[in-house]
Amino acid sequence: MKLVTAIIKPFKLDDVRAALTAVGVPHMTVTEVQGYGRQKGRSSLYRGAEYAVEFLPKLKLELALRDEVLEQVLDAILDSAHTGDVGDGKVFVVDLEQAIRIRTRETETDALR
């Protein structure tokens, strides 16, 4: 099992969700986060005063997957989240040692369905 964490631009969520659903992954956890990196933030005006916004809004997607669907999921995320601009995001993949569904106590891949 794998845990995939993807950091994407907020406006790409619907595209990513549709792509994941198309490859048979209709579940994910989405968290609103802020990030700072190569994109470097932006300047904004508020009541006539300019200020710097260094941390930009992003979304963090987390998906627990069976090993067999990993490559399809990565392709779906990379294709649908891509804009070609700085700040498109990152994808991280780590081994997932155990998964347990709380309601039924199902474990491993049974808990992922």
N, C-alpha and C. Protein backbone atom coordinates (compact mmCIF):
# COMPACT_ATOMS: atom_id res chain seq x y z
N MET A 1 0.85 -1.18 0.00
CA MET A 1 0.00 0.00 0.00
C MET A 1 0.89 1.23 0.00
N LYS A 2 0.35 2.30 -0.59
CA LYS A 2 1.07 3.56 -0.67
C LYS A 2 0.19 4.70 -0.17
N LEU A 3 0.84 5.73 0.36
CA LEU A 3 0.16 6.97 0.71
C LEU A 3 0.70 8.04 -0.23
N VAL A 4 -0.18 8.59 -1.05
CA VAL A 4 0.19 9.64 -2.00
C VAL A 4 -0.29 10.97 -1.43
N THR A 5 0.62 11.92 -1.34
CA THR A 5 0.30 13.28 -0.91
C THR A 5 0.63 14.21 -2.06
N ALA A 6 -0.34 14.97 -2.51
CA ALA A 6 -0.14 15.90 -3.62
C ALA A 6 -0.49 17.31 -3.14
N ILE A 7 0.38 18.26 -3.45
CA ILE A 7 0.13 19.67 -3.17
C ILE A 7 -0.16 20.31 -4.51
N ILE A 8 -1.36 20.89 -4.67
CA ILE A 8 -1.77 21.44 -5.96
C ILE A 8 -2.35 22.85 -5.80
N LYS A 9 -2.50 23.52 -6.92
CA LYS A 9 -3.18 24.82 -6.93
C LYS A 9 -4.67 24.59 -6.69
N PRO A 10 -5.32 25.44 -5.92
CA PRO A 10 -6.73 25.21 -5.57
C PRO A 10 -7.68 25.10 -6.77
N PHE A 11 -7.45 25.87 -7.82
CA PHE A 11 -8.38 25.84 -8.95
C PHE A 11 -8.26 24.56 -9.78
N LYS A 12 -7.27 23.71 -9.51
CA LYS A 12 -7.10 22.46 -10.25
C LYS A 12 -7.80 21.28 -9.57
N LEU A 13 -8.44 21.50 -8.42
CA LEU A 13 -9.05 20.40 -7.67
C LEU A 13 -10.09 19.64 -8.49
N ASP A 14 -10.99 20.33 -9.16
CA ASP A 14 -12.03 19.64 -9.92
C ASP A 14 -11.43 18.79 -11.04
N ASP A 15 -10.39 19.30 -11.70
CA ASP A 15 -9.73 18.53 -12.76
C ASP A 15 -9.07 17.27 -12.20
N VAL A 16 -8.39 17.42 -11.07
CA VAL A 16 -7.72 16.28 -10.45
C VAL A 16 -8.74 15.26 -9.97
N ARG A 17 -9.80 15.72 -9.34
CA ARG A 17 -10.84 14.80 -8.86
C ARG A 17 -11.45 14.01 -10.01
N ALA A 18 -11.75 14.70 -11.11
CA ALA A 18 -12.32 14.02 -12.29
C ALA A 18 -11.35 12.99 -12.86
N ALA A 19 -10.08 13.33 -12.92
CA ALA A 19 -9.07 12.40 -13.44
C ALA A 19 -8.92 11.18 -12.54
N LEU A 20 -8.94 11.39 -11.23
CA LEU A 20 -8.84 10.27 -10.31
C LEU A 20 -10.07 9.37 -10.37
N THR A 21 -11.24 9.97 -10.48
CA THR A 21 -12.46 9.18 -10.61
C THR A 21 -12.42 8.35 -11.89
N ALA A 22 -11.88 8.92 -12.96
CA ALA A 22 -11.79 8.21 -14.24
C ALA A 22 -10.88 6.98 -14.16
N VAL A 23 -9.89 6.99 -13.29
CA VAL A 23 -9.01 5.82 -13.14
C VAL A 23 -9.45 4.91 -12.00
N GLY A 24 -10.62 5.18 -11.43
CA GLY A 24 -11.19 4.30 -10.43
C GLY A 24 -10.84 4.61 -8.99
N VAL A 25 -10.45 5.85 -8.71
CA VAL A 25 -10.13 6.25 -7.34
C VAL A 25 -11.07 7.37 -6.94
N PRO A 26 -12.24 7.04 -6.38
CA PRO A 26 -13.23 8.06 -6.05
C PRO A 26 -13.10 8.63 -4.64
N HIS A 27 -11.96 8.41 -3.97
CA HIS A 27 -11.82 8.88 -2.59
C HIS A 27 -10.51 9.63 -2.41
N MET A 28 -10.54 10.63 -1.56
CA MET A 28 -9.33 11.37 -1.19
C MET A 28 -9.68 12.26 -0.02
N THR A 29 -8.67 12.71 0.67
CA THR A 29 -8.84 13.71 1.72
C THR A 29 -8.20 14.99 1.22
N VAL A 30 -8.91 16.11 1.37
CA VAL A 30 -8.42 17.40 0.89
C VAL A 30 -8.31 18.35 2.08
N THR A 31 -7.16 19.01 2.17
CA THR A 31 -6.92 19.97 3.24
C THR A 31 -6.43 21.27 2.62
N GLU A 32 -6.96 22.41 3.10
CA GLU A 32 -6.45 23.70 2.66
C GLU A 32 -5.17 23.99 3.42
N VAL A 33 -4.10 24.29 2.67
CA VAL A 33 -2.80 24.58 3.27
C VAL A 33 -2.23 25.84 2.62
N GLN A 34 -1.10 26.29 3.14
CA GLN A 34 -0.38 27.41 2.54
C GLN A 34 1.04 26.98 2.29
N GLY A 35 1.62 27.50 1.20
CA GLY A 35 2.97 27.10 0.87
C GLY A 35 3.84 28.26 0.45
N TYR A 36 5.14 28.04 0.60
CA TYR A 36 6.13 29.03 0.20
C TYR A 36 7.26 28.27 -0.48
N GLY A 37 7.64 28.73 -1.65
CA GLY A 37 8.71 28.06 -2.37
C GLY A 37 9.16 28.91 -3.54
N ARG A 38 9.36 28.29 -4.67
CA ARG A 38 9.84 29.00 -5.86
C ARG A 38 8.88 30.07 -6.34
N GLN A 39 7.61 29.93 -6.03
CA GLN A 39 6.61 30.89 -6.47
C GLN A 39 6.81 32.25 -5.79
N LYS A 40 7.39 32.27 -4.61
CA LYS A 40 7.81 33.47 -3.88
C LYS A 40 6.71 34.40 -3.41
N GLY A 41 5.46 34.04 -3.52
CA GLY A 41 4.40 34.91 -3.04
C GLY A 41 4.01 35.98 -4.05
N ARG A 42 3.27 36.97 -3.57
CA ARG A 42 2.81 38.04 -4.45
C ARG A 42 2.55 39.29 -3.62
N SER A 43 2.42 40.43 -4.28
CA SER A 43 2.07 41.68 -3.60
C SER A 43 0.60 41.96 -3.79
N SER A 44 -0.03 42.52 -2.78
CA SER A 44 -1.45 42.87 -2.85
C SER A 44 -1.66 44.25 -2.25
N LEU A 45 -2.79 44.84 -2.58
CA LEU A 45 -3.17 46.13 -2.01
C LEU A 45 -4.35 45.94 -1.07
N TYR A 46 -4.29 46.61 0.08
CA TYR A 46 -5.40 46.60 1.02
C TYR A 46 -5.55 48.02 1.55
N ARG A 47 -6.68 48.65 1.24
CA ARG A 47 -6.96 50.01 1.67
C ARG A 47 -5.81 50.97 1.31
N GLY A 48 -5.31 50.79 0.11
CA GLY A 48 -4.28 51.68 -0.39
C GLY A 48 -2.87 51.35 0.01
N ALA A 49 -2.70 50.37 0.89
CA ALA A 49 -1.35 49.99 1.33
C ALA A 49 -0.95 48.68 0.66
N GLU A 50 0.27 48.64 0.16
CA GLU A 50 0.77 47.42 -0.46
C GLU A 50 1.39 46.52 0.61
N TYR A 51 1.13 45.24 0.51
CA TYR A 51 1.72 44.29 1.43
C TYR A 51 2.07 43.01 0.68
N ALA A 52 3.00 42.25 1.21
CA ALA A 52 3.46 41.02 0.57
C ALA A 52 2.74 39.82 1.18
N VAL A 53 2.26 38.97 0.31
CA VAL A 53 1.68 37.69 0.73
C VAL A 53 2.72 36.64 0.36
N GLU A 54 3.43 36.13 1.35
CA GLU A 54 4.50 35.18 1.07
C GLU A 54 4.01 33.74 0.99
N PHE A 55 3.04 33.38 1.83
CA PHE A 55 2.50 32.03 1.80
C PHE A 55 1.24 32.04 0.94
N LEU A 56 1.25 31.21 -0.10
CA LEU A 56 0.13 31.16 -1.04
C LEU A 56 -0.77 29.98 -0.74
N PRO A 57 -2.07 30.13 -1.02
CA PRO A 57 -3.01 29.03 -0.76
C PRO A 57 -2.77 27.86 -1.70
N LYS A 58 -2.78 26.68 -1.15
CA LYS A 58 -2.65 25.42 -1.88
C LYS A 58 -3.63 24.42 -1.30
N LEU A 59 -3.79 23.29 -1.97
CA LEU A 59 -4.58 22.19 -1.44
C LEU A 59 -3.67 20.98 -1.31
N LYS A 60 -3.85 20.25 -0.21
CA LYS A 60 -3.11 19.01 -0.01
C LYS A 60 -4.10 17.86 -0.15
N LEU A 61 -3.82 16.97 -1.09
CA LEU A 61 -4.63 15.78 -1.31
C LEU A 61 -3.89 14.59 -0.73
N GLU A 62 -4.60 13.73 -0.04
CA GLU A 62 -4.01 12.52 0.50
C GLU A 62 -4.84 11.32 0.06
N LEU A 63 -4.17 10.32 -0.48
CA LEU A 63 -4.84 9.12 -0.99
C LEU A 63 -4.10 7.88 -0.52
N ALA A 64 -4.79 6.95 0.09
CA ALA A 64 -4.23 5.65 0.43
C ALA A 64 -4.63 4.70 -0.69
N LEU A 65 -3.62 4.01 -1.27
CA LEU A 65 -3.85 3.23 -2.48
C LEU A 65 -3.23 1.84 -2.40
N ARG A 66 -3.79 0.94 -3.21
CA ARG A 66 -3.13 -0.33 -3.45
C ARG A 66 -1.97 -0.08 -4.40
N ASP A 67 -0.93 -0.86 -4.30
CA ASP A 67 0.26 -0.69 -5.14
C ASP A 67 -0.06 -0.77 -6.63
N GLU A 68 -1.04 -1.60 -7.00
CA GLU A 68 -1.35 -1.83 -8.41
C GLU A 68 -1.85 -0.59 -9.14
N VAL A 69 -2.47 0.36 -8.44
CA VAL A 69 -3.04 1.53 -9.11
C VAL A 69 -2.15 2.77 -9.01
N LEU A 70 -0.98 2.63 -8.39
CA LEU A 70 -0.13 3.79 -8.14
C LEU A 70 0.25 4.54 -9.41
N GLU A 71 0.74 3.86 -10.41
CA GLU A 71 1.20 4.55 -11.63
C GLU A 71 0.06 5.29 -12.33
N GLN A 72 -1.12 4.67 -12.40
CA GLN A 72 -2.28 5.33 -13.01
C GLN A 72 -2.66 6.59 -12.23
N VAL A 73 -2.62 6.52 -10.91
CA VAL A 73 -2.96 7.66 -10.07
C VAL A 73 -1.94 8.78 -10.25
N LEU A 74 -0.67 8.43 -10.26
CA LEU A 74 0.36 9.46 -10.46
C LEU A 74 0.20 10.14 -11.81
N ASP A 75 -0.03 9.38 -12.86
CA ASP A 75 -0.25 9.97 -14.19
C ASP A 75 -1.46 10.89 -14.18
N ALA A 76 -2.54 10.45 -13.53
CA ALA A 76 -3.76 11.26 -13.48
C ALA A 76 -3.51 12.58 -12.76
N ILE A 77 -2.82 12.54 -11.64
CA ILE A 77 -2.54 13.77 -10.88
C ILE A 77 -1.61 14.68 -11.67
N LEU A 78 -0.51 14.12 -12.18
CA LEU A 78 0.47 14.94 -12.89
C LEU A 78 -0.12 15.59 -14.13
N ASP A 79 -0.95 14.86 -14.88
CA ASP A 79 -1.55 15.42 -16.09
C ASP A 79 -2.61 16.47 -15.77
N SER A 80 -3.45 16.21 -14.78
CA SER A 80 -4.57 17.11 -14.52
C SER A 80 -4.20 18.33 -13.68
N ALA A 81 -3.13 18.26 -12.90
CA ALA A 81 -2.73 19.40 -12.07
C ALA A 81 -1.73 20.32 -12.78
N HIS A 82 -1.24 19.90 -13.92
CA HIS A 82 -0.20 20.64 -14.63
C HIS A 82 -0.74 21.90 -15.30
N THR A 83 -0.08 23.04 -15.07
CA THR A 83 -0.38 24.27 -15.81
C THR A 83 0.85 24.75 -16.56
N GLY A 84 2.02 24.28 -16.15
CA GLY A 84 3.26 24.73 -16.75
C GLY A 84 3.87 25.94 -16.07
N ASP A 85 3.18 26.46 -15.07
CA ASP A 85 3.66 27.63 -14.35
C ASP A 85 4.37 27.21 -13.06
N VAL A 86 5.22 28.10 -12.55
CA VAL A 86 5.85 27.87 -11.26
C VAL A 86 4.75 27.75 -10.20
N GLY A 87 4.90 26.80 -9.30
CA GLY A 87 3.92 26.64 -8.23
C GLY A 87 2.86 25.60 -8.52
N ASP A 88 3.05 24.78 -9.57
CA ASP A 88 2.08 23.72 -9.86
C ASP A 88 1.95 22.73 -8.71
N GLY A 89 3.02 22.53 -7.95
CA GLY A 89 2.93 21.68 -6.78
C GLY A 89 3.92 20.53 -6.79
N LYS A 90 3.68 19.59 -5.90
CA LYS A 90 4.55 18.42 -5.73
C LYS A 90 3.69 17.21 -5.40
N VAL A 91 4.26 16.03 -5.64
CA VAL A 91 3.62 14.78 -5.27
C VAL A 91 4.64 13.95 -4.49
N PHE A 92 4.22 13.41 -3.36
CA PHE A 92 5.07 12.57 -2.53
C PHE A 92 4.41 11.20 -2.39
N VAL A 93 5.22 10.15 -2.45
CA VAL A 93 4.71 8.78 -2.30
C VAL A 93 5.52 8.10 -1.19
N VAL A 94 4.81 7.56 -0.21
CA VAL A 94 5.47 6.83 0.88
C VAL A 94 4.77 5.49 1.08
N ASP A 95 5.52 4.54 1.61
CA ASP A 95 4.93 3.25 1.93
C ASP A 95 3.95 3.41 3.09
N LEU A 96 2.85 2.71 3.00
CA LEU A 96 1.83 2.73 4.04
C LEU A 96 1.84 1.37 4.72
N GLU A 97 2.22 1.33 5.97
CA GLU A 97 2.38 0.06 6.67
C GLU A 97 1.05 -0.59 7.03
N GLN A 98 0.07 0.21 7.43
CA GLN A 98 -1.17 -0.39 7.90
C GLN A 98 -2.32 0.58 7.67
N ALA A 99 -3.48 0.03 7.36
CA ALA A 99 -4.71 0.80 7.24
C ALA A 99 -5.81 0.03 7.95
N ILE A 100 -6.62 0.74 8.73
CA ILE A 100 -7.71 0.10 9.47
C ILE A 100 -8.94 0.98 9.35
N ARG A 101 -10.06 0.39 8.93
CA ARG A 101 -11.34 1.09 8.93
C ARG A 101 -11.91 1.01 10.34
N ILE A 102 -12.17 2.15 10.93
CA ILE A 102 -12.60 2.19 12.33
C ILE A 102 -13.93 1.48 12.53
N ARG A 103 -14.90 1.72 11.65
CA ARG A 103 -16.24 1.17 11.84
C ARG A 103 -16.26 -0.35 11.88
N THR A 104 -15.54 -1.00 10.95
CA THR A 104 -15.61 -2.46 10.83
C THR A 104 -14.35 -3.18 11.27
N ARG A 105 -13.29 -2.41 11.53
CA ARG A 105 -11.98 -2.95 11.88
C ARG A 105 -11.36 -3.75 10.74
N GLU A 106 -11.83 -3.54 9.51
CA GLU A 106 -11.18 -4.16 8.36
C GLU A 106 -9.77 -3.59 8.25
N THR A 107 -8.85 -4.40 7.74
CA THR A 107 -7.47 -3.97 7.65
C THR A 107 -6.95 -4.08 6.22
N GLU A 108 -5.78 -3.48 6.03
CA GLU A 108 -5.03 -3.51 4.77
C GLU A 108 -5.90 -3.03 3.60
N THR A 109 -5.85 -3.72 2.46
CA THR A 109 -6.57 -3.24 1.28
C THR A 109 -8.08 -3.27 1.45
N ASP A 110 -8.59 -4.13 2.32
CA ASP A 110 -10.04 -4.15 2.60
C ASP A 110 -10.48 -2.80 3.19
N ALA A 111 -9.61 -2.18 3.96
CA ALA A 111 -9.94 -0.91 4.57
C ALA A 111 -9.90 0.25 3.58
N LEU A 112 -9.27 0.03 2.43
CA LEU A 112 -9.16 1.10 1.44
C LEU A 112 -10.36 1.18 0.51
N ARG A 113 -11.19 0.18 0.49
CA ARG A 113 -12.35 0.18 -0.43
C ARG A 113 -13.48 1.00 0.10
